[in-house]
Amino acid sequence: MKKRSMLFLGKLVLALVLCMTVLGCALFSKATSSNKAPSSFQSGSGSSGDTSVLLRQGLNFDQAFREVVFILNRHGFDPEMMQPEAGYIRTRWSNTWNDNGTNLEYYRVRVVISFSPNRTQLIISAPAEYNKGNGWQTGWDTRAISTLRTDITQSIGN
């Protein structure tokens, strides 16, 4: 009787381990297959996604620079490098700029703003990277570019 219950217990433990393994594999498979890039991600490189904004005539450059930094902060982009004398701003990578606004470890966006040398326009870039498990794929984020272009144009644009 004791041997029979030990055999039953062994089979039960084996069945539980097998079920947990299958369930774990299924969940892992679902998690890796759901790592889809946000709809705003466009793959490619170079300046394909860049856009420019003409600045309002007579606008003080220092004021324009501060306004751009304010708009970036408002949208959750933290400036990492600012060079006012060169008219350049680059933000840190953001893992929360996506369709859901959640932290995605496999998708990141940063913003680069470059003022023209004569300070009459600026160029907005939003490099993005998407990692589907086999390395980072480069591109840009169309929603970030569109959103920032609209806000900057309304604030300091021509």
Protein backbone atom coordinates (compact mmCIF):
# COMPACT_ATOMS: atom_id res chain seq x y z
CA MET A 1 0.00 0.00 0.00
CA LYS A 2 2.80 2.40 0.92
CA LYS A 3 4.67 1.56 -2.28
CA ARG A 4 1.54 2.22 -4.33
CA SER A 5 0.97 5.67 -2.79
CA MET A 6 4.65 6.59 -3.34
CA LEU A 7 4.33 5.54 -6.99
CA PHE A 8 1.16 7.62 -7.36
CA LEU A 9 2.85 10.61 -5.71
CA GLY A 10 5.86 10.27 -8.04
CA LYS A 11 3.60 10.20 -11.10
CA LEU A 12 1.69 13.20 -9.81
CA VAL A 13 4.89 15.21 -9.30
CA LEU A 14 6.13 14.20 -12.76
CA ALA A 15 2.82 15.25 -14.34
CA LEU A 16 2.93 18.62 -12.54
CA VAL A 17 6.50 19.27 -13.65
CA LEU A 18 5.59 18.36 -17.23
CA CYS A 19 2.51 20.64 -17.18
CA MET A 20 4.47 23.54 -15.75
CA THR A 21 7.17 23.10 -18.41
CA VAL A 22 4.62 23.12 -21.23
CA LEU A 23 2.83 26.13 -19.74
CA GLY A 24 6.10 28.02 -19.29
CA CYS A 25 7.12 27.34 -22.90
CA ALA A 26 3.73 28.52 -24.15
CA LEU A 27 3.90 31.74 -22.13
CA PHE A 28 7.48 32.42 -23.24
CA SER A 29 6.53 31.84 -26.86
CA LYS A 30 3.58 34.24 -26.56
CA ALA A 31 5.72 36.90 -24.84
CA THR A 32 8.43 36.82 -27.51
CA SER A 33 5.96 36.80 -30.39
CA SER A 34 4.04 39.79 -28.96
CA ASN A 35 7.16 42.00 -29.02
CA LYS A 36 5.92 43.86 -32.07
CA ALA A 37 7.21 47.28 -32.95
CA PRO A 38 4.73 50.11 -32.40
CA SER A 39 2.84 51.17 -35.50
CA SER A 40 4.80 54.45 -35.55
CA PHE A 41 8.13 52.67 -36.10
CA GLN A 42 9.60 52.95 -39.60
CA SER A 43 12.73 50.95 -40.31
CA GLY A 44 15.58 52.55 -42.19
CA SER A 45 18.49 54.83 -41.59
CA GLY A 46 19.73 58.25 -42.50
CA SER A 47 17.57 61.32 -42.48
CA SER A 48 14.47 59.74 -44.05
CA GLY A 49 12.22 60.68 -41.15
CA ASP A 50 13.62 64.15 -40.47
CA THR A 51 11.39 67.19 -40.69
CA SER A 52 12.10 70.90 -40.48
CA VAL A 53 10.31 73.81 -38.85
CA LEU A 54 10.77 77.41 -39.97
CA LEU A 55 11.12 79.67 -36.95
CA ARG A 56 9.12 82.84 -36.45
CA GLN A 57 10.97 85.91 -37.75
CA GLY A 58 12.58 88.03 -35.08
CA LEU A 59 12.40 85.24 -32.49
CA ASN A 60 15.19 85.33 -29.93
CA PHE A 61 17.30 82.16 -30.29
CA ASP A 62 17.71 81.66 -26.53
CA GLN A 63 13.95 81.79 -26.09
CA ALA A 64 13.43 79.33 -28.96
CA PHE A 65 16.01 76.95 -27.50
CA ARG A 66 14.38 77.04 -24.05
CA GLU A 67 10.94 76.49 -25.57
CA VAL A 68 12.14 73.41 -27.47
CA VAL A 69 13.65 71.97 -24.26
CA PHE A 70 10.35 72.63 -22.46
CA ILE A 71 8.34 70.84 -25.19
CA LEU A 72 10.71 67.85 -25.14
CA ASN A 73 10.38 67.58 -21.35
CA ARG A 74 6.60 67.85 -21.55
CA HIS A 75 6.55 64.81 -23.85
CA GLY A 76 8.81 62.77 -21.57
CA PHE A 77 12.07 63.24 -23.48
CA ASP A 78 14.93 64.00 -21.09
CA PRO A 79 17.73 66.07 -22.69
CA GLU A 80 21.05 64.24 -22.44
CA MET A 81 23.20 66.68 -24.39
CA MET A 82 22.50 70.37 -24.94
CA GLN A 83 24.84 72.68 -26.83
CA PRO A 84 23.12 76.06 -27.22
CA GLU A 85 26.17 77.55 -28.95
CA ALA A 86 25.89 74.85 -31.64
CA GLY A 87 22.09 74.81 -31.65
CA TYR A 88 21.97 71.11 -30.77
CA ILE A 89 19.83 69.03 -28.39
CA ARG A 90 19.83 65.24 -28.00
CA THR A 91 17.63 63.36 -25.55
CA ARG A 92 18.20 60.11 -23.71
CA TRP A 93 16.57 56.97 -25.07
CA SER A 94 12.94 56.66 -23.97
CA ASN A 95 11.36 53.22 -23.65
CA THR A 96 7.91 54.66 -22.94
CA TRP A 97 7.27 56.50 -26.21
CA ASN A 98 4.99 53.93 -27.84
CA ASP A 99 1.34 53.26 -28.64
CA ASN A 100 0.51 52.26 -25.03
CA GLY A 101 2.84 54.60 -23.13
CA THR A 102 4.21 51.60 -21.24
CA ASN A 103 7.84 50.68 -20.67
CA LEU A 104 8.96 48.43 -23.54
CA GLU A 105 12.49 47.10 -23.18
CA TYR A 106 12.53 46.15 -26.87
CA TYR A 107 11.63 49.60 -28.28
CA ARG A 108 13.26 52.97 -27.69
CA VAL A 109 13.13 56.47 -29.16
CA ARG A 110 15.29 59.56 -28.77
CA VAL A 111 14.96 63.03 -30.25
CA VAL A 112 17.65 65.12 -31.92
CA ILE A 113 17.05 68.82 -32.61
CA SER A 114 19.49 70.78 -34.77
CA PHE A 115 19.07 74.50 -35.39
CA SER A 116 20.37 75.84 -38.69
CA PRO A 117 23.53 77.99 -38.47
CA ASN A 118 21.53 81.14 -39.25
CA ARG A 119 18.91 80.16 -36.61
CA THR A 120 15.96 80.47 -39.01
CA GLN A 121 14.86 76.83 -38.85
CA LEU A 122 15.39 73.62 -36.95
CA ILE A 123 15.46 69.96 -37.94
CA ILE A 124 13.69 67.31 -35.84
CA SER A 125 14.87 63.71 -35.88
CA ALA A 126 13.43 60.86 -33.84
CA PRO A 127 15.76 57.88 -34.18
CA ALA A 128 14.13 54.69 -32.93
CA GLU A 129 15.39 51.18 -32.33
CA TYR A 130 13.38 47.98 -32.19
CA ASN A 131 14.80 44.70 -30.88
CA LYS A 132 12.80 41.67 -31.94
CA GLY A 133 15.24 39.32 -30.27
CA ASN A 134 18.07 39.22 -32.78
CA GLY A 135 19.61 42.67 -32.30
CA TRP A 136 18.53 46.27 -32.63
CA GLN A 137 16.91 47.36 -35.90
CA THR A 138 17.28 51.09 -36.60
CA GLY A 139 14.64 53.45 -37.87
CA TRP A 140 12.59 56.44 -36.74
CA ASP A 141 9.34 57.12 -34.94
CA THR A 142 6.74 58.91 -37.08
CA ARG A 143 4.46 59.76 -34.15
CA ALA A 144 7.27 61.47 -32.22
CA ILE A 145 8.26 63.51 -35.25
CA SER A 146 4.67 64.49 -36.04
CA THR A 147 3.80 65.37 -32.44
CA LEU A 148 6.94 67.43 -31.84
CA ARG A 149 6.68 69.17 -35.21
CA THR A 150 3.12 70.24 -34.43
CA ASP A 151 3.93 71.49 -30.92
CA ILE A 152 7.11 73.30 -31.93
CA THR A 153 5.43 74.90 -34.95
CA GLN A 154 2.57 76.15 -32.78
CA SER A 155 4.96 77.53 -30.19
CA ILE A 156 7.83 79.08 -32.14
CA GLY A 157 7.15 78.28 -35.79
CA ASN A 158 6.41 80.55 -38.68
